[in-house]
Amino acid sequence: MRPRVVMLLAFVIAAVAVGFTGARFTLLPSSPPVVRASLPPHPASYLGVFEDGSPPGYEPIAEFAQAAGRKPNLVGYYSGWAEPFAASYAQMIRRHGVIPFVQIDPTLASVSGIAAGDYDIYLRTYADAVRAFGHPVVIGFGHEMNADWYSWGYGNLPASTFVAAWQHIVTLFRAQGADNVTWLWTLQADEAGKTGPVEDWWPGATYVNWVGIDGYYYRPSDTFVNVFGKTIDQVRKFTDKPVLLSETAVGPDAGQALKIPDLFAGMHKYKTLGLVWFDKDRFHRGNILDQNWRLEGNRVAESSFALGVRDDLTPNSPHRS
């Protein structure tokens, strides 16, 4: 009996092995591993900056930190379509305790093509790099889409096309396991004759973590209420998502040192997440919309800003990974 048992056992083992081997060739590809890293939506907890020269360097950020009296915890930059995720830069600023904030703009790209999946190879590559980074990243797409000055915006593109592209991008990133992204839907603050109805461009709460609003103080008559207030009120009619002042500054023509306290007071009153200061010199362009927005070199403005940071921003860093 024993030889027969051995032969039967050998046959069973061989059959199982063949079945297992066959199964290996019929398995579907596994999904990418999911990386999750979120950012807490605490009011008045984020100080960010845009700087010429960063990327690639950190020195401009350090100079701003000295002027502001505190190191920023967000650093923003604009990324043209087809540019890769700046992974080495992200790692570098993370070592300084800073979160990368990227505005990806569809410059020279077809927004309808994005929605249709024509650029999915690029987007998957980008999402994979963000997932591999493994820490929080704030990403926006097609910023200021409710305004008329970009090809992807109001008057130049149907809002429904933009919404479809936004939803496709977010869905693709999540499918690639890049759940370390905080999605920032970024509006232009209301400007009569230049901006359209903000709700038309809303992709839905499922696809957005934070709402960004860009706005500037150009003139002495500008206040937080007339720069940001109307847009915040419009947003609050359809979502309670946290609001970040995602690109802002007070220009010299507005009275920089005198108006900075109003910016911080409004940020605090409206319970926004914080602000991202556009610390760049655009004065050479020669009109009121393009001023020298930098703090550095204006000691009174530096002091005014540092007081706002001290009094109206929370002292703890919200960085989480």
C-alpha atoms as a PDB file:
ATOM      1  CA  MET A   1       0.000   0.000   0.000  1.00  0.00           C
ATOM      2  CA  ARG A   2       2.772   2.392   0.815  1.00  0.00           C
ATOM      3  CA  PRO A   3       4.068   2.723  -2.790  1.00  0.00           C
ATOM      4  CA  ARG A   4       0.551   3.476  -3.973  1.00  0.00           C
ATOM      5  CA  VAL A   5       0.109   6.096  -1.237  1.00  0.00           C
ATOM      6  CA  VAL A   6       3.436   7.693  -2.142  1.00  0.00           C
ATOM      7  CA  MET A   7       2.523   7.749  -5.819  1.00  0.00           C
ATOM      8  CA  LEU A   8      -0.887   9.240  -5.051  1.00  0.00           C
ATOM      9  CA  LEU A   9       0.683  11.846  -2.809  1.00  0.00           C
ATOM     10  CA  ALA A  10       3.222  12.742  -5.472  1.00  0.00           C
ATOM     11  CA  PHE A  11       0.460  13.100  -8.027  1.00  0.00           C
ATOM     12  CA  VAL A  12      -1.527  15.436  -5.755  1.00  0.00           C
ATOM     13  CA  ILE A  13       1.535  17.585  -5.012  1.00  0.00           C
ATOM     14  CA  ALA A  14       2.367  17.807  -8.731  1.00  0.00           C
ATOM     15  CA  ALA A  15      -1.201  18.756  -9.579  1.00  0.00           C
ATOM     16  CA  VAL A  16      -1.237  21.495  -6.929  1.00  0.00           C
ATOM     17  CA  ALA A  17       2.125  22.787  -8.159  1.00  0.00           C
ATOM     18  CA  VAL A  18       0.914  22.933 -11.760  1.00  0.00           C
ATOM     19  CA  GLY A  19      -2.273  24.657 -10.693  1.00  0.00           C
ATOM     20  CA  PHE A  20      -0.337  27.205  -8.651  1.00  0.00           C
ATOM     21  CA  THR A  21       2.070  27.835 -11.524  1.00  0.00           C
ATOM     22  CA  GLY A  22      -0.808  28.392 -13.897  1.00  0.00           C
ATOM     23  CA  ALA A  23      -2.456  30.752 -11.450  1.00  0.00           C
ATOM     24  CA  ARG A  24       0.670  32.897 -11.371  1.00  0.00           C
ATOM     25  CA  PHE A  25       0.243  33.709 -15.030  1.00  0.00           C
ATOM     26  CA  THR A  26      -3.421  34.660 -14.696  1.00  0.00           C
ATOM     27  CA  LEU A  27      -3.148  37.077 -11.783  1.00  0.00           C
ATOM     28  CA  LEU A  28      -4.092  40.670 -12.544  1.00  0.00           C
ATOM     29  CA  PRO A  29      -1.425  43.333 -11.992  1.00  0.00           C
ATOM     30  CA  SER A  30      -1.452  44.541  -8.398  1.00  0.00           C
ATOM     31  CA  SER A  31      -2.315  48.143  -7.592  1.00  0.00           C
ATOM     32  CA  PRO A  32       0.528  50.460  -6.549  1.00  0.00           C
ATOM     33  CA  PRO A  33       1.031  50.638  -2.771  1.00  0.00           C
ATOM     34  CA  VAL A  34      -0.905  53.528  -1.256  1.00  0.00           C
ATOM     35  CA  VAL A  35       1.023  56.274   0.533  1.00  0.00           C
ATOM     36  CA  ARG A  36      -1.079  58.415   2.856  1.00  0.00           C
ATOM     37  CA  ALA A  37       0.072  61.664   4.447  1.00  0.00           C
ATOM     38  CA  SER A  38      -2.375  64.381   5.415  1.00  0.00           C
ATOM     39  CA  LEU A  39      -2.137  67.971   6.562  1.00  0.00           C
ATOM     40  CA  PRO A  40      -4.270  69.218   9.467  1.00  0.00           C
ATOM     41  CA  PRO A  41      -6.683  72.014   8.496  1.00  0.00           C
ATOM     42  CA  HIS A  42      -6.048  74.209  11.530  1.00  0.00           C
ATOM     43  CA  PRO A  43      -6.833  77.924  11.019  1.00  0.00           C
ATOM     44  CA  ALA A  44      -3.916  80.365  10.941  1.00  0.00           C
ATOM     45  CA  SER A  45      -1.318  77.577  10.945  1.00  0.00           C
ATOM     46  CA  TYR A  46       0.334  77.938   7.538  1.00  0.00           C
ATOM     47  CA  LEU A  47       2.879  80.514   6.424  1.00  0.00           C
ATOM     48  CA  GLY A  48       4.030  80.051   2.856  1.00  0.00           C
ATOM     49  CA  VAL A  49       6.106  81.875   0.292  1.00  0.00           C
ATOM     50  CA  PHE A  50       6.855  82.039  -3.438  1.00  0.00           C
ATOM     51  CA  GLU A  51      10.464  82.998  -4.192  1.00  0.00           C
ATOM     52  CA  ASP A  52      12.533  83.553  -7.318  1.00  0.00           C
ATOM     53  CA  GLY A  53      15.376  81.056  -7.157  1.00  0.00           C
ATOM     54  CA  SER A  54      13.456  78.436  -5.191  1.00  0.00           C
ATOM     55  CA  PRO A  55      13.437  75.899  -6.644  1.00  0.00           C
ATOM     56  CA  PRO A  56      16.215  74.994  -6.839  1.00  0.00           C
ATOM     57  CA  GLY A  57      17.788  76.719  -3.833  1.00  0.00           C
ATOM     58  CA  TYR A  58      16.877  77.214  -0.183  1.00  0.00           C
ATOM     59  CA  GLU A  59      18.704  80.516   0.391  1.00  0.00           C
ATOM     60  CA  PRO A  60      15.790  82.739  -0.774  1.00  0.00           C
ATOM     61  CA  ILE A  61      13.517  80.945   1.702  1.00  0.00           C
ATOM     62  CA  ALA A  62      16.019  81.497   4.506  1.00  0.00           C
ATOM     63  CA  GLU A  63      16.172  85.216   3.661  1.00  0.00           C
ATOM     64  CA  PHE A  64      12.391  85.467   3.754  1.00  0.00           C
ATOM     65  CA  ALA A  65      12.316  83.607   7.092  1.00  0.00           C
ATOM     66  CA  GLN A  66      14.708  86.143   8.564  1.00  0.00           C
ATOM     67  CA  ALA A  67      12.566  89.050   7.348  1.00  0.00           C
ATOM     68  CA  ALA A  68       9.285  87.422   8.454  1.00  0.00           C
ATOM     69  CA  GLY A  69      10.499  86.377  11.853  1.00  0.00           C
ATOM     70  CA  ARG A  70       9.561  82.753  11.214  1.00  0.00           C
ATOM     71  CA  LYS A  71      10.467  79.965   8.826  1.00  0.00           C
ATOM     72  CA  PRO A  72       7.630  79.214   6.392  1.00  0.00           C
ATOM     73  CA  ASN A  73       6.106  75.733   6.432  1.00  0.00           C
ATOM     74  CA  LEU A  74       4.893  75.921   2.811  1.00  0.00           C
ATOM     75  CA  VAL A  75       6.923  76.856  -0.265  1.00  0.00           C
ATOM     76  CA  GLY A  76       5.091  77.308  -3.547  1.00  0.00           C
ATOM     77  CA  TYR A  77       6.245  77.103  -7.131  1.00  0.00           C
ATOM     78  CA  TYR A  78       4.641  76.851 -10.564  1.00  0.00           C
ATOM     79  CA  SER A  79       5.192  73.801 -12.739  1.00  0.00           C
ATOM     80  CA  GLY A  80       4.590  73.904 -16.477  1.00  0.00           C
ATOM     81  CA  TRP A  81       2.835  71.017 -18.189  1.00  0.00           C
ATOM     82  CA  ALA A  82       5.086  67.994 -18.784  1.00  0.00           C
ATOM     83  CA  GLU A  83       7.595  69.137 -16.137  1.00  0.00           C
ATOM     84  CA  PRO A  84       8.412  66.317 -13.691  1.00  0.00           C
ATOM     85  CA  PHE A  85       7.851  66.483  -9.956  1.00  0.00           C
ATOM     86  CA  ALA A  86      10.908  68.162  -8.388  1.00  0.00           C
ATOM     87  CA  ALA A  87      11.633  65.263  -6.042  1.00  0.00           C
ATOM     88  CA  SER A  88      15.149  66.264  -4.956  1.00  0.00           C
ATOM     89  CA  TYR A  89      13.942  69.797  -4.207  1.00  0.00           C
ATOM     90  CA  ALA A  90      11.018  68.402  -2.219  1.00  0.00           C
ATOM     91  CA  GLN A  91      13.387  66.257  -0.185  1.00  0.00           C
ATOM     92  CA  MET A  92      15.691  69.196   0.411  1.00  0.00           C
ATOM     93  CA  ILE A  93      13.019  71.572   1.724  1.00  0.00           C
ATOM     94  CA  ARG A  94      11.468  68.782   3.784  1.00  0.00           C
ATOM     95  CA  ARG A  95      14.765  68.499   5.657  1.00  0.00           C
ATOM     96  CA  HIS A  96      14.133  72.131   6.623  1.00  0.00           C
ATOM     97  CA  GLY A  97      10.609  71.278   7.800  1.00  0.00           C
ATOM     98  CA  VAL A  98       8.898  72.759   4.730  1.00  0.00           C
ATOM     99  CA  ILE A  99       6.021  71.281   2.702  1.00  0.00           C
ATOM    100  CA  PRO A 100       6.165  71.558  -1.120  1.00  0.00           C
ATOM    101  CA  PHE A 101       3.230  73.342  -2.742  1.00  0.00           C
ATOM    102  CA  VAL A 102       3.015  72.891  -6.531  1.00  0.00           C
ATOM    103  CA  GLN A 103       0.698  74.665  -8.955  1.00  0.00           C
ATOM    104  CA  ILE A 104       0.613  72.501 -12.089  1.00  0.00           C
ATOM    105  CA  ASP A 105      -0.637  74.558 -15.026  1.00  0.00           C
ATOM    106  CA  PRO A 106      -1.790  73.090 -18.362  1.00  0.00           C
ATOM    107  CA  THR A 107       0.298  75.511 -20.419  1.00  0.00           C
ATOM    108  CA  LEU A 108       0.174  74.500 -24.098  1.00  0.00           C
ATOM    109  CA  ALA A 109      -1.788  71.362 -23.164  1.00  0.00           C
ATOM    110  CA  SER A 110      -5.306  70.445 -24.224  1.00  0.00           C
ATOM    111  CA  VAL A 111      -7.523  70.503 -21.143  1.00  0.00           C
ATOM    112  CA  SER A 112     -10.110  68.348 -22.906  1.00  0.00           C
ATOM    113  CA  GLY A 113      -7.254  65.977 -23.775  1.00  0.00           C
ATOM    114  CA  ILE A 114      -6.296  65.802 -20.102  1.00  0.00           C
ATOM    115  CA  ALA A 115      -9.891  64.872 -19.240  1.00  0.00           C
ATOM    116  CA  ALA A 116      -9.893  62.224 -21.992  1.00  0.00           C
ATOM    117  CA  GLY A 117      -6.705  60.581 -20.714  1.00  0.00           C
ATOM    118  CA  ASP A 118      -4.377  61.701 -23.500  1.00  0.00           C
ATOM    119  CA  TYR A 119      -1.670  62.704 -20.985  1.00  0.00           C
ATOM    120  CA  ASP A 120      -2.027  59.796 -18.579  1.00  0.00           C
ATOM    121  CA  ILE A 121       1.537  58.540 -19.067  1.00  0.00           C
ATOM    122  CA  TYR A 122       2.872  61.896 -17.861  1.00  0.00           C
ATOM    123  CA  LEU A 123       0.376  62.098 -15.002  1.00  0.00           C
ATOM    124  CA  ARG A 124       1.124  58.558 -13.806  1.00  0.00           C
ATOM    125  CA  THR A 125       4.844  59.305 -13.832  1.00  0.00           C
ATOM    126  CA  TYR A 126       4.215  62.469 -11.808  1.00  0.00           C
ATOM    127  CA  ALA A 127       1.902  60.663  -9.379  1.00  0.00           C
ATOM    128  CA  ASP A 128       4.425  57.851  -8.901  1.00  0.00           C
ATOM    129  CA  ALA A 129       7.140  60.385  -8.050  1.00  0.00           C
ATOM    130  CA  VAL A 130       4.862  62.118  -5.538  1.00  0.00           C
ATOM    131  CA  ARG A 131       3.960  58.763  -3.985  1.00  0.00           C
ATOM    132  CA  ALA A 132       7.663  57.815  -3.797  1.00  0.00           C
ATOM    133  CA  PHE A 133       8.367  61.102  -1.980  1.00  0.00           C
ATOM    134  CA  GLY A 134       6.125  59.715   0.738  1.00  0.00           C
ATOM    135  CA  HIS A 135       5.338  62.945   2.603  1.00  0.00           C
ATOM    136  CA  PRO A 136       2.658  65.642   2.317  1.00  0.00           C
ATOM    137  CA  VAL A 137       2.498  67.647  -0.904  1.00  0.00           C
ATOM    138  CA  VAL A 138      -0.006  70.390  -1.738  1.00  0.00           C
ATOM    139  CA  ILE A 139      -0.972  70.345  -5.425  1.00  0.00           C
ATOM    140  CA  GLY A 140      -3.176  72.648  -7.453  1.00  0.00           C
ATOM    141  CA  PHE A 141      -4.111  72.444 -11.118  1.00  0.00           C
ATOM    142  CA  GLY A 142      -4.927  75.314 -13.477  1.00  0.00           C
ATOM    143  CA  HIS A 143      -4.888  78.045 -10.831  1.00  0.00           C
ATOM    144  CA  GLU A 144      -7.125  81.131 -11.195  1.00  0.00           C
ATOM    145  CA  MET A 145      -9.368  79.291 -13.640  1.00  0.00           C
ATOM    146  CA  ASN A 146     -12.277  81.621 -12.850  1.00  0.00           C
ATOM    147  CA  ALA A 147     -10.331  84.560 -14.326  1.00  0.00           C
ATOM    148  CA  ASP A 148      -9.982  85.427 -18.009  1.00  0.00           C
ATOM    149  CA  TRP A 149      -6.198  85.713 -18.433  1.00  0.00           C
ATOM    150  CA  TYR A 150      -5.240  82.043 -18.836  1.00  0.00           C
ATOM    151  CA  SER A 151      -6.095  79.684 -21.687  1.00  0.00           C
ATOM    152  CA  TRP A 152      -7.666  77.246 -19.208  1.00  0.00           C
ATOM    153  CA  GLY A 153      -9.869  79.895 -17.613  1.00  0.00           C
ATOM    154  CA  TYR A 154     -13.077  81.884 -17.772  1.00  0.00           C
ATOM    155  CA  GLY A 155     -14.084  82.962 -21.279  1.00  0.00           C
ATOM    156  CA  ASN A 156     -11.472  80.710 -22.874  1.00  0.00           C
ATOM    157  CA  LEU A 157     -12.615  77.243 -21.820  1.00  0.00           C
ATOM    158  CA  PRO A 158     -15.957  75.742 -20.768  1.00  0.00           C
ATOM    159  CA  ALA A 159     -16.024  75.289 -17.007  1.00  0.00           C
ATOM    160  CA  SER A 160     -17.301  71.731 -17.447  1.00  0.00           C
ATOM    161  CA  THR A 161     -14.139  70.819 -19.386  1.00  0.00           C
ATOM    162  CA  PHE A 162     -11.931  72.128 -16.590  1.00  0.00           C
ATOM    163  CA  VAL A 163     -13.976  70.236 -14.001  1.00  0.00           C
ATOM    164  CA  ALA A 164     -13.660  66.990 -15.975  1.00  0.00           C
ATOM    165  CA  ALA A 165      -9.864  67.437 -16.215  1.00  0.00           C
ATOM    166  CA  TRP A 166      -9.552  68.174 -12.492  1.00  0.00           C
ATOM    167  CA  GLN A 167     -11.593  65.108 -11.565  1.00  0.00           C
ATOM    168  CA  HIS A 168      -9.577  62.914 -13.927  1.00  0.00           C
ATOM    169  CA  ILE A 169      -6.253  64.057 -12.447  1.00  0.00           C
ATOM    170  CA  VAL A 170      -7.330  63.498  -8.849  1.00  0.00           C
ATOM    171  CA  THR A 171      -8.802  60.087  -9.671  1.00  0.00           C
ATOM    172  CA  LEU A 172      -5.612  59.029 -11.463  1.00  0.00           C
ATOM    173  CA  PHE A 173      -3.336  60.136  -8.594  1.00  0.00           C
ATOM    174  CA  ARG A 174      -5.440  58.201  -6.108  1.00  0.00           C
ATOM    175  CA  ALA A 175      -5.410  55.128  -8.322  1.00  0.00           C
ATOM    176  CA  GLN A 176      -1.600  55.362  -8.342  1.00  0.00           C
ATOM    177  CA  GLY A 177      -1.569  55.352  -4.550  1.00  0.00           C
ATOM    178  CA  ALA A 178      -0.539  59.021  -4.175  1.00  0.00           C
ATOM    179  CA  ASP A 179      -2.795  59.771  -1.212  1.00  0.00           C
ATOM    180  CA  ASN A 180      -0.173  62.077   0.245  1.00  0.00           C
ATOM    181  CA  VAL A 181      -1.582  64.953  -1.854  1.00  0.00           C
ATOM    182  CA  THR A 182      -3.655  67.787  -0.410  1.00  0.00           C
ATOM    183  CA  TRP A 183      -5.657  69.022  -3.422  1.00  0.00           C
ATOM    184  CA  LEU A 184      -5.893  72.824  -3.544  1.00  0.00           C
ATOM    185  CA  TRP A 185      -8.584  74.256  -5.843  1.00  0.00           C
ATOM    186  CA  THR A 186      -7.290  77.768  -6.490  1.00  0.00           C
ATOM    187  CA  LEU A 187      -9.474  80.740  -7.404  1.00  0.00           C
ATOM    188  CA  GLN A 188      -8.707  84.317  -8.325  1.00  0.00           C
ATOM    189  CA  ALA A 189     -10.301  86.770  -5.892  1.00  0.00           C
ATOM    190  CA  ASP A 190     -13.321  88.432  -7.485  1.00  0.00           C
ATOM    191  CA  GLU A 191     -12.528  91.225  -9.968  1.00  0.00           C
ATOM    192  CA  ALA A 192     -15.388  92.931 -11.763  1.00  0.00           C
ATOM    193  CA  GLY A 193     -15.332  92.169 -15.487  1.00  0.00           C
ATOM    194  CA  LYS A 194     -12.393  89.766 -15.124  1.00  0.00           C
ATOM    195  CA  THR A 195     -13.783  86.808 -13.195  1.00  0.00           C
ATOM    196  CA  GLY A 196     -16.775  84.545 -13.633  1.00  0.00           C
ATOM    197  CA  PRO A 197     -19.065  82.645 -11.245  1.00  0.00           C
ATOM    198  CA  VAL A 198     -16.819  80.559  -8.999  1.00  0.00           C
ATOM    199  CA  GLU A 199     -19.244  77.683  -8.442  1.00  0.00           C
ATOM    200  CA  ASP A 200     -19.237  76.839 -12.168  1.00  0.00           C
ATOM    201  CA  TRP A 201     -15.651  75.599 -11.775  1.00  0.00           C
ATOM    202  CA  TRP A 202     -16.223  73.536  -8.630  1.00  0.00           C
ATOM    203  CA  PRO A 203     -15.250  69.862  -9.157  1.00  0.00           C
ATOM    204  CA  GLY A 204     -17.037  68.629  -6.027  1.00  0.00           C
ATOM    205  CA  ALA A 205     -16.066  68.057  -2.413  1.00  0.00           C
ATOM    206  CA  THR A 206     -14.795  64.541  -3.143  1.00  0.00           C
ATOM    207  CA  TYR A 207     -12.032  65.970  -5.343  1.00  0.00           C
ATOM    208  CA  VAL A 208     -10.889  68.920  -3.207  1.00  0.00           C
ATOM    209  CA  ASN A 209      -9.215  69.181   0.201  1.00  0.00           C
ATOM    210  CA  TRP A 210      -8.642  72.925   0.453  1.00  0.00           C
ATOM    211  CA  VAL A 211      -9.813  76.009  -1.428  1.00  0.00           C
ATOM    212  CA  GLY A 212      -7.132  78.523  -2.418  1.00  0.00           C
ATOM    213  CA  ILE A 213      -7.826  82.186  -3.158  1.00  0.00           C
ATOM    214  CA  ASP A 214      -5.254  84.461  -4.836  1.00  0.00           C
ATOM    215  CA  GLY A 215      -5.522  88.191  -4.263  1.00  0.00           C
ATOM    216  CA  TYR A 216      -3.378  91.294  -3.832  1.00  0.00           C
ATOM    217  CA  TYR A 217      -3.459  94.733  -2.253  1.00  0.00           C
ATOM    218  CA  TYR A 218      -2.668  97.089  -5.139  1.00  0.00           C
ATOM    219  CA  ARG A 219      -4.014 100.441  -3.923  1.00  0.00           C
ATOM    220  CA  PRO A 220      -4.410 102.320  -0.619  1.00  0.00           C
ATOM    221  CA  SER A 221      -8.165 101.674  -0.776  1.00  0.00           C
ATOM    222  CA  ASP A 222      -7.694  97.888  -0.770  1.00  0.00           C
ATOM    223  CA  THR A 223      -8.749  95.998   2.361  1.00  0.00           C
ATOM    224  CA  PHE A 224      -9.181  92.340   3.218  1.00  0.00           C
ATOM    225  CA  VAL A 225     -12.938  92.669   2.822  1.00  0.00           C
ATOM    226  CA  ASN A 226     -12.839  94.113  -0.709  1.00  0.00           C
ATOM    227  CA  VAL A 227      -9.964  91.882  -1.870  1.00  0.00           C
ATOM    228  CA  PHE A 228     -11.000  88.524  -0.385  1.00  0.00           C
ATOM    229  CA  GLY A 229     -14.285  88.914   1.452  1.00  0.00           C
ATOM    230  CA  LYS A 230     -16.693  88.600  -1.476  1.00  0.00           C
ATOM    231  CA  THR A 231     -14.987  85.501  -2.849  1.00  0.00           C
ATOM    232  CA  ILE A 232     -14.884  83.783   0.544  1.00  0.00           C
ATOM    233  CA  ASP A 233     -18.598  84.503   0.932  1.00  0.00           C
ATOM    234  CA  GLN A 234     -19.284  83.018  -2.523  1.00  0.00           C
ATOM    235  CA  VAL A 235     -17.288  79.879  -1.698  1.00  0.00           C
ATOM    236  CA  ARG A 236     -19.116  79.411   1.596  1.00  0.00           C
ATOM    237  CA  LYS A 237     -22.430  79.087  -0.281  1.00  0.00           C
ATOM    238  CA  PHE A 238     -21.399  75.692  -1.698  1.00  0.00           C
ATOM    239  CA  THR A 239     -18.584  74.291   0.465  1.00  0.00           C
ATOM    240  CA  ASP A 240     -17.137  74.468   3.945  1.00  0.00           C
ATOM    241  CA  LYS A 241     -13.691  73.291   2.824  1.00  0.00           C
ATOM    242  CA  PRO A 242     -10.809  75.164   4.536  1.00  0.00           C
ATOM    243  CA  VAL A 243      -9.567  78.295   2.728  1.00  0.00           C
ATOM    244  CA  LEU A 244      -5.911  79.183   2.184  1.00  0.00           C
ATOM    245  CA  LEU A 245      -4.806  82.605   0.926  1.00  0.00           C
ATOM    246  CA  SER A 246      -2.755  80.812  -1.686  1.00  0.00           C
ATOM    247  CA  GLU A 247      -0.977  83.750  -3.358  1.00  0.00           C
ATOM    248  CA  THR A 248      -1.014  87.214  -1.849  1.00  0.00           C
ATOM    249  CA  ALA A 249       1.025  90.285  -1.039  1.00  0.00           C
ATOM    250  CA  VAL A 250       0.687  93.964  -0.218  1.00  0.00           C
ATOM    251  CA  GLY A 251       2.369  96.289  -2.697  1.00  0.00           C
ATOM    252  CA  PRO A 252       4.262  99.522  -1.977  1.00  0.00           C
ATOM    253  CA  ASP A 253       1.578 101.490  -3.840  1.00  0.00           C
ATOM    254  CA  ALA A 254      -0.994 100.195  -1.353  1.00  0.00           C
ATOM    255  CA  GLY A 255       1.099 101.247   1.645  1.00  0.00           C
ATOM    256  CA  GLN A 256       2.836  97.978   2.421  1.00  0.00           C
ATOM    257  CA  ALA A 257       3.686  98.464   6.089  1.00  0.00           C
ATOM    258  CA  LEU A 258       0.300 100.031   6.882  1.00  0.00           C
ATOM    259  CA  LYS A 259      -1.809  97.388   5.115  1.00  0.00           C
ATOM    260  CA  ILE A 260      -0.003  94.218   6.216  1.00  0.00           C
ATOM    261  CA  PRO A 261      -1.807  94.279   9.612  1.00  0.00           C
ATOM    262  CA  ASP A 262      -5.152  94.365   7.771  1.00  0.00           C
ATOM    263  CA  LEU A 263      -4.154  91.273   5.772  1.00  0.00           C
ATOM    264  CA  PHE A 264      -3.299  89.329   8.930  1.00  0.00           C
ATOM    265  CA  ALA A 265      -6.364  90.559  10.794  1.00  0.00           C
ATOM    266  CA  GLY A 266      -8.621  89.452   7.923  1.00  0.00           C
ATOM    267  CA  MET A 267      -6.869  86.097   7.696  1.00  0.00           C
ATOM    268  CA  HIS A 268      -7.613  85.596  11.387  1.00  0.00           C
ATOM    269  CA  LYS A 269     -11.175  86.933  11.319  1.00  0.00           C
ATOM    270  CA  TYR A 270     -12.223  84.752   8.376  1.00  0.00           C
ATOM    271  CA  LYS A 271     -10.519  81.708   9.944  1.00  0.00           C
ATOM    272  CA  THR A 272      -8.399  80.883   6.910  1.00  0.00           C
ATOM    273  CA  LEU A 273      -5.590  78.338   7.062  1.00  0.00           C
ATOM    274  CA  GLY A 274      -2.957  81.018   6.614  1.00  0.00           C
ATOM    275  CA  LEU A 275      -1.287  82.782   3.712  1.00  0.00           C
ATOM    276  CA  VAL A 276       1.342  82.290   1.023  1.00  0.00           C
ATOM    277  CA  TRP A 277       3.269  85.506   0.368  1.00  0.00           C
ATOM    278  CA  PHE A 278       4.370  86.282  -3.207  1.00  0.00           C
ATOM    279  CA  ASP A 279       7.858  87.514  -2.351  1.00  0.00           C
ATOM    280  CA  LYS A 280       8.943  88.602  -5.817  1.00  0.00           C
ATOM    281  CA  ASP A 281       9.908  91.858  -7.504  1.00  0.00           C
ATOM    282  CA  ARG A 282       7.737  92.567 -10.550  1.00  0.00           C
ATOM    283  CA  PHE A 283       8.165  96.350 -10.587  1.00  0.00           C
ATOM    284  CA  HIS A 284      10.057  96.345 -13.903  1.00  0.00           C
ATOM    285  CA  ARG A 285       6.821  95.581 -15.725  1.00  0.00           C
ATOM    286  CA  GLY A 286       5.704  99.135 -15.042  1.00  0.00           C
ATOM    287  CA  ASN A 287       2.047  99.033 -13.955  1.00  0.00           C
ATOM    288  CA  ILE A 288       0.125  98.930 -10.693  1.00  0.00           C
ATOM    289  CA  LEU A 289      -0.574  95.221 -11.059  1.00  0.00           C
ATOM    290  CA  ASP A 290       3.149  94.453 -11.059  1.00  0.00           C
ATOM    291  CA  GLN A 291       4.930  95.885  -8.043  1.00  0.00           C
ATOM    292  CA  ASN A 292       7.908  94.946  -5.907  1.00  0.00           C
ATOM    293  CA  TRP A 293       6.106  92.617  -3.509  1.00  0.00           C
ATOM    294  CA  ARG A 294       9.219  91.642  -1.568  1.00  0.00           C
ATOM    295  CA  LEU A 295       9.509  92.278   2.149  1.00  0.00           C
ATOM    296  CA  GLU A 296      13.285  92.179   2.259  1.00  0.00           C
ATOM    297  CA  GLY A 297      14.898  95.599   2.310  1.00  0.00           C
ATOM    298  CA  ASN A 298      11.841  97.418   3.689  1.00  0.00           C
ATOM    299  CA  ARG A 299      12.525  97.389   7.429  1.00  0.00           C
ATOM    300  CA  VAL A 300       9.152  98.864   8.378  1.00  0.00           C
ATOM    301  CA  ALA A 301       7.287  96.309   6.262  1.00  0.00           C
ATOM    302  CA  GLU A 302       9.435  93.513   7.697  1.00  0.00           C
ATOM    303  CA  SER A 303       8.533  94.570  11.225  1.00  0.00           C
ATOM    304  CA  SER A 304       4.859  94.862  10.347  1.00  0.00           C
ATOM    305  CA  PHE A 305       4.856  91.377   8.820  1.00  0.00           C
ATOM    306  CA  ALA A 306       6.773  89.827  11.727  1.00  0.00           C
ATOM    307  CA  LEU A 307       4.205  91.257  14.157  1.00  0.00           C
ATOM    308  CA  GLY A 308       1.388  89.726  12.119  1.00  0.00           C
ATOM    309  CA  VAL A 309       3.145  86.363  12.149  1.00  0.00           C
ATOM    310  CA  ARG A 310       3.693  86.581  15.898  1.00  0.00           C
ATOM    311  CA  ASP A 311       0.190  87.727  16.814  1.00  0.00           C
ATOM    312  CA  ASP A 312      -2.086  86.076  14.220  1.00  0.00           C
ATOM    313  CA  LEU A 313      -0.418  82.791  13.244  1.00  0.00           C
ATOM    314  CA  THR A 314      -0.266  79.806  15.559  1.00  0.00           C
ATOM    315  CA  PRO A 315       3.285  79.121  16.792  1.00  0.00           C
ATOM    316  CA  ASN A 316       3.254  75.361  16.178  1.00  0.00           C
ATOM    317  CA  SER A 317       4.098  73.766  12.835  1.00  0.00           C
ATOM    318  CA  PRO A 318       1.274  71.697  11.307  1.00  0.00           C
ATOM    319  CA  HIS A 319       3.721  69.501   9.392  1.00  0.00           C
ATOM    320  CA  ARG A 320       2.623  65.865   9.414  1.00  0.00           C
ATOM    321  CA  SER A 321       4.026  62.920   7.483  1.00  0.00           C
END
